[in-house]
Amino acid sequence: MTALLPPSPKRARLLRVLLPWLVPLLLLTLWQLLAQVGVIPTRILPAPSAILQAGITLAATGELWRHLGSSAARAGTGFLIGASLGLVFGVLNGIQPKAEVLLDSSFQMLRTIPPLAMIPLVILWFGIGEQARIFLVCVGVFFPVYLNTFHGIRGIDPGLLEMGRVYGLKRREIISHVILPGAMPSILVGIRFALGIAWILLIVGEQIAADSGIGYMALNAREFMQTDVIVLSILLYALLGKLSDSLARALEGRLLPWHPHHRRAARSSSELSPAV
C-alpha cells in the first residue's frame, strides 16, 4: 500500500486560510435552504442570495463603496489616536511607579463609564460631526490597549531586567530591547480587542445624524423597510471585524517570531511539508 504523502506547504497554507471559513459557509448554506423552503420568512430575514443581490446593486451605484470608505476612515482614525494614547500611557505607567500613582486611578474610574452613556455629553462637546464619532471610537479603543500594555510591562520577569543591567544596557536600551518585546504579546492582545470595540462603537456613532457610513446605510434602510440592506450592513461589520482581526494576527506573526506559540505553528507547518 502506498503511503499517503503529506500536503505541500502551499496546500497547507491554503487549508489554514480556508478552514476557518468552513462553519460560516455551512451556516450560510443552511440559511439559504431554510429561506427557500419557507421555514425562515424572507420579510423577517432575507435569504443570503437576496442580500448578495442588494450588495451588488449598491456596489454598482457606488453607494456601497462610499459608505465603506467613510466607516473605514472613521474607524482607522479613531483607532490610531486611541491606541497610540493607550500605548503611551501604558508604557509610562508601567515603567514609572510615580506616574501610575498619579494617573492609574483616574483611568480606572473613567474605564467604568460606558462610552455609549457619554453620547449626550459628546454631542454637546463636538456636535454631530465627525469629531463626535471619532471621539467615541478613541475612548473605546484607549482602555484595552492601555490595560494590556500596562499589565504586559508589569508582568515581565524581573530576572530579565536584572540580566539587562548586568550586561550594561542603558535604561533606554532596556526599554527597547527587554521591556517592549516582553510586553508585546499582551499589547497585541489589547490591539485585537480594541479593534472589535472600535467597530461596535462606530455602529452607534454612525447613527447620530450621519450622512454616510455603514451605520447610516442601515438606519436609512430601516426607514424604507429594506431588510436585505439592514442585514447586509450587519454582515459588512462582521466581515470588517474579521478582516481587522486577521491583520492583527498577521502582525503578531511578524512581530513575535520568537514566541512559543508562533514557533510551534511554524514547526507544525514544516512538519506538514514533504521530506526531500
Protein backbone atom coordinates (compact mmCIF):
# COMPACT_ATOMS: atom_id res chain seq x y z
CA MET A 1 0.00 0.00 0.00
CA THR A 2 1.30 3.41 -0.98
CA ALA A 3 1.77 5.75 1.98
CA LEU A 4 -0.13 8.99 1.83
CA LEU A 5 2.15 11.93 1.14
CA PRO A 6 1.84 14.91 3.48
CA PRO A 7 0.40 18.04 1.90
CA SER A 8 2.73 20.52 0.25
CA PRO A 9 3.49 23.80 2.05
CA LYS A 10 1.27 25.69 -0.41
CA ARG A 11 -1.63 23.33 0.22
CA ALA A 12 -1.10 23.50 3.98
CA ARG A 13 -1.25 27.32 3.88
CA LEU A 14 -4.37 27.17 1.74
CA LEU A 15 -6.05 24.85 4.23
CA ARG A 16 -5.21 27.18 7.12
CA VAL A 17 -6.82 30.05 5.21
CA LEU A 18 -9.95 28.19 4.10
CA LEU A 19 -10.80 26.03 7.14
CA PRO A 20 -11.86 28.95 9.40
CA TRP A 21 -14.49 29.84 6.79
CA LEU A 22 -15.98 26.34 6.68
CA VAL A 23 -18.51 26.82 9.50
CA PRO A 24 -19.71 30.28 8.28
CA LEU A 25 -20.20 28.87 4.76
CA LEU A 26 -22.16 25.91 6.13
CA LEU A 27 -24.37 28.27 8.15
CA LEU A 28 -24.99 30.43 5.09
CA THR A 29 -25.92 27.35 3.06
CA LEU A 30 -28.34 26.19 5.75
CA TRP A 31 -29.78 29.70 5.97
CA GLN A 32 -30.33 29.79 2.20
CA LEU A 33 -32.04 26.39 2.19
CA LEU A 34 -34.36 27.28 5.11
CA ALA A 35 -35.30 30.55 3.41
CA GLN A 36 -36.06 28.80 0.12
CA VAL A 37 -38.39 26.22 1.71
CA GLY A 38 -40.17 28.92 3.73
CA VAL A 39 -39.01 27.96 7.23
CA ILE A 40 -37.48 31.43 7.60
CA PRO A 41 -39.87 34.16 6.31
CA THR A 42 -37.98 36.39 3.89
CA ARG A 43 -39.73 39.50 5.18
CA ILE A 44 -38.12 38.86 8.57
CA LEU A 45 -34.75 37.54 7.42
CA PRO A 46 -33.99 37.61 3.68
CA ALA A 47 -32.10 34.77 2.04
CA PRO A 48 -28.33 35.21 1.55
CA SER A 49 -28.90 35.35 -2.22
CA ALA A 50 -31.19 38.38 -1.78
CA ILE A 51 -28.66 40.06 0.50
CA LEU A 52 -25.91 39.40 -2.04
CA GLN A 53 -28.05 40.91 -4.79
CA ALA A 54 -28.65 44.02 -2.67
CA GLY A 55 -24.91 44.34 -2.15
CA ILE A 56 -24.23 44.02 -5.89
CA THR A 57 -26.83 46.68 -6.65
CA LEU A 58 -25.38 49.12 -4.09
CA ALA A 59 -21.86 48.42 -5.32
CA ALA A 60 -22.88 49.08 -8.93
CA THR A 61 -24.25 52.50 -7.99
CA GLY A 62 -21.13 53.33 -5.94
CA GLU A 63 -23.15 53.87 -2.76
CA LEU A 64 -21.69 50.82 -1.02
CA TRP A 65 -18.08 51.92 -1.59
CA ARG A 66 -18.83 55.44 -0.35
CA HIS A 67 -20.26 54.11 2.91
CA LEU A 68 -17.44 51.59 3.33
CA GLY A 69 -14.84 54.31 2.80
CA SER A 70 -16.46 56.60 5.37
CA SER A 71 -16.67 53.86 8.00
CA ALA A 72 -13.11 52.69 7.40
CA ALA A 73 -11.76 56.25 7.67
CA ARG A 74 -13.59 56.89 10.95
CA ALA A 75 -12.61 53.56 12.48
CA GLY A 76 -8.99 53.92 11.35
CA THR A 77 -8.61 57.48 12.63
CA GLY A 78 -10.24 56.75 15.97
CA PHE A 79 -8.25 53.55 16.42
CA LEU A 80 -4.90 55.17 15.64
CA ILE A 81 -5.48 58.03 18.08
CA GLY A 82 -6.93 55.90 20.88
CA ALA A 83 -4.40 53.06 20.52
CA SER A 84 -1.46 55.49 20.40
CA LEU A 85 -2.58 57.22 23.60
CA GLY A 86 -3.24 53.88 25.29
CA LEU A 87 0.22 52.64 24.34
CA VAL A 88 1.95 55.81 25.54
CA PHE A 89 0.20 55.91 28.92
CA GLY A 90 0.50 52.13 29.33
CA VAL A 91 4.26 52.32 28.87
CA LEU A 92 4.55 55.43 31.06
CA ASN A 93 2.58 53.96 33.97
CA GLY A 94 4.21 50.57 33.52
CA ILE A 95 7.77 51.80 33.89
CA GLN A 96 7.16 54.77 36.20
CA PRO A 97 5.50 53.90 39.54
CA LYS A 98 5.00 57.59 40.29
CA ALA A 99 3.04 58.03 37.08
CA GLU A 100 0.93 55.00 37.99
CA VAL A 101 0.07 56.51 41.38
CA LEU A 102 -0.84 59.80 39.74
CA LEU A 103 -2.83 58.57 36.72
CA ASP A 104 -3.96 54.97 37.02
CA SER A 105 -6.80 55.52 39.50
CA SER A 106 -8.28 58.21 37.24
CA PHE A 107 -8.07 55.92 34.23
CA GLN A 108 -9.75 53.09 36.14
CA MET A 109 -12.64 55.34 37.14
CA LEU A 110 -13.06 56.56 33.57
CA ARG A 111 -12.89 52.98 32.29
CA THR A 112 -16.06 52.05 34.19
CA ILE A 113 -18.09 54.69 32.33
CA PRO A 114 -19.76 53.08 29.29
CA PRO A 115 -18.80 55.07 26.16
CA LEU A 116 -22.40 54.93 24.96
CA ALA A 117 -23.52 56.70 28.14
CA MET A 118 -21.34 59.64 27.11
CA ILE A 119 -23.19 60.23 23.83
CA PRO A 120 -25.31 63.17 25.10
CA LEU A 121 -22.21 64.86 26.50
CA VAL A 122 -20.18 64.10 23.36
CA ILE A 123 -22.87 65.74 21.23
CA LEU A 124 -22.72 68.84 23.44
CA TRP A 125 -18.92 68.91 23.15
CA PHE A 126 -18.43 68.12 19.46
CA GLY A 127 -21.88 68.49 17.92
CA ILE A 128 -23.00 65.84 15.46
CA GLY A 129 -19.97 65.99 13.16
CA GLU A 130 -17.11 63.59 12.54
CA GLN A 131 -15.30 64.57 15.73
CA ALA A 132 -18.03 63.03 17.90
CA ARG A 133 -17.84 59.65 16.14
CA ILE A 134 -14.06 59.57 16.18
CA PHE A 135 -14.02 60.53 19.87
CA LEU A 136 -16.31 57.62 20.77
CA VAL A 137 -14.02 55.20 18.96
CA CYS A 138 -10.95 56.72 20.66
CA VAL A 139 -12.43 56.28 24.12
CA GLY A 140 -13.42 52.68 23.47
CA VAL A 141 -10.02 51.79 21.99
CA PHE A 142 -7.89 53.53 24.63
CA PHE A 143 -8.60 51.33 27.64
CA PRO A 144 -7.96 47.82 26.19
CA VAL A 145 -4.62 48.96 24.79
CA TYR A 146 -3.70 50.81 27.98
CA LEU A 147 -4.56 47.95 30.33
CA ASN A 148 -2.84 45.26 28.29
CA THR A 149 0.26 47.39 27.79
CA PHE A 150 0.44 48.23 31.49
CA HIS A 151 -0.01 44.65 32.70
CA GLY A 152 2.28 43.30 29.98
CA ILE A 153 5.10 45.52 31.23
CA ARG A 154 4.42 44.73 34.88
CA GLY A 155 4.36 41.01 34.08
CA ILE A 156 7.91 40.90 32.71
CA ASP A 157 10.26 38.60 34.59
CA PRO A 158 12.47 40.75 36.90
CA GLY A 159 15.34 38.40 36.10
CA LEU A 160 15.33 39.63 32.50
CA LEU A 161 15.61 43.23 33.68
CA GLU A 162 18.46 42.33 36.01
CA MET A 163 20.23 40.47 33.21
CA GLY A 164 19.98 43.57 31.03
CA ARG A 165 21.58 45.66 33.75
CA VAL A 166 24.34 43.09 34.22
CA TYR A 167 25.13 43.27 30.50
CA GLY A 168 25.45 47.04 30.82
CA LEU A 169 22.32 48.06 28.94
CA LYS A 170 21.23 51.64 29.50
CA ARG A 171 17.68 52.47 30.57
CA ARG A 172 16.58 53.32 27.03
CA GLU A 173 18.09 50.07 25.74
CA ILE A 174 16.36 48.04 28.46
CA ILE A 175 13.03 49.59 27.45
CA SER A 176 13.53 48.97 23.72
CA HIS A 177 15.24 45.55 23.90
CA VAL A 178 13.72 43.96 27.02
CA ILE A 179 10.55 45.65 28.25
CA LEU A 180 8.71 46.35 24.99
CA PRO A 181 9.47 42.97 23.36
CA GLY A 182 8.47 41.21 26.58
CA ALA A 183 5.19 43.10 26.77
CA MET A 184 4.44 42.81 23.03
CA PRO A 185 2.21 39.68 23.28
CA SER A 186 -0.03 41.45 25.80
CA ILE A 187 -0.01 44.68 23.76
CA LEU A 188 -1.15 42.85 20.63
CA VAL A 189 -3.95 41.14 22.56
CA GLY A 190 -5.13 44.61 23.59
CA ILE A 191 -4.97 45.77 19.97
CA ARG A 192 -7.08 42.82 18.79
CA PHE A 193 -9.64 43.50 21.50
CA ALA A 194 -9.66 47.23 20.72
CA LEU A 195 -10.27 46.62 17.01
CA GLY A 196 -13.52 44.81 17.83
CA ILE A 197 -14.64 47.58 20.16
CA ALA A 198 -13.88 50.21 17.51
CA TRP A 199 -16.39 48.69 15.07
CA ILE A 200 -19.03 48.23 17.79
CA LEU A 201 -18.89 51.89 18.83
CA LEU A 202 -18.78 53.04 15.24
CA ILE A 203 -22.14 51.39 14.58
CA VAL A 204 -23.74 53.64 17.20
CA GLY A 205 -21.74 56.70 16.22
CA GLU A 206 -22.82 56.47 12.60
CA GLN A 207 -26.47 56.54 13.60
CA ILE A 208 -26.09 60.00 15.18
CA ALA A 209 -27.22 62.32 12.37
CA ALA A 210 -24.66 60.90 9.95
CA ASP A 211 -24.93 61.20 6.18
CA SER A 212 -22.59 58.33 5.28
CA GLY A 213 -21.19 55.10 6.70
CA ILE A 214 -22.48 51.57 7.12
CA GLY A 215 -24.44 52.50 10.23
CA TYR A 216 -26.15 55.30 8.34
CA MET A 217 -26.90 52.90 5.48
CA ALA A 218 -28.61 50.51 7.92
CA LEU A 219 -30.57 53.32 9.59
CA ASN A 220 -31.70 54.68 6.24
CA ALA A 221 -32.73 51.18 5.09
CA ARG A 222 -34.86 50.79 8.21
CA GLU A 223 -36.90 53.84 7.21
CA PHE A 224 -37.76 52.17 3.89
CA MET A 225 -38.18 48.65 5.37
CA GLN A 226 -35.23 47.32 3.32
CA THR A 227 -34.43 44.30 5.46
CA ASP A 228 -31.90 42.96 2.98
CA VAL A 229 -29.81 46.15 3.23
CA ILE A 230 -30.02 46.11 7.03
CA VAL A 231 -28.73 42.53 7.19
CA LEU A 232 -26.09 43.41 4.59
CA SER A 233 -24.86 46.20 6.86
CA ILE A 234 -24.61 43.80 9.80
CA LEU A 235 -22.67 41.27 7.71
CA LEU A 236 -20.34 44.00 6.48
CA TYR A 237 -19.48 44.94 10.07
CA ALA A 238 -18.79 41.26 10.78
CA LEU A 239 -16.52 40.96 7.73
CA LEU A 240 -14.67 44.17 8.56
CA GLY A 241 -14.15 42.95 12.12
CA LYS A 242 -12.82 39.63 10.85
CA LEU A 243 -10.50 41.41 8.41
CA SER A 244 -9.19 43.65 11.19
CA ASP A 245 -8.56 40.67 13.45
CA SER A 246 -6.78 38.81 10.65
CA LEU A 247 -4.49 41.80 10.09
CA ALA A 248 -3.74 41.92 13.83
CA ARG A 249 -2.93 38.20 13.85
CA ALA A 250 -0.63 38.66 10.85
CA LEU A 251 1.09 41.45 12.78
CA GLU A 252 1.53 39.05 15.71
CA GLY A 253 3.24 36.54 13.46
CA ARG A 254 5.61 39.20 12.14
CA LEU A 255 6.46 40.81 15.50
CA LEU A 256 6.56 37.66 17.62
CA PRO A 257 8.54 35.04 15.68
CA TRP A 258 10.31 34.15 18.94
CA HIS A 259 7.08 33.48 20.85
CA PRO A 260 6.49 29.77 21.69
CA HIS A 261 3.00 29.78 20.12
CA HIS A 262 4.24 31.11 16.78
CA ARG A 263 7.29 28.85 16.85
CA ARG A 264 5.01 25.83 17.34
CA ALA A 265 2.85 27.00 14.44
CA ALA A 266 5.91 27.35 12.21
CA ARG A 267 7.15 23.93 13.31
CA SER A 268 3.79 22.37 12.52
CA SER A 269 3.90 23.89 9.04
CA SER A 270 7.35 22.49 8.43
CA GLU A 271 6.27 19.06 9.63
CA LEU A 272 3.46 19.14 7.05
CA SER A 273 5.98 19.72 4.29
CA PRO A 274 7.12 16.59 2.38
CA ALA A 275 10.59 15.37 3.17
CA VAL A 276 13.13 15.80 0.40
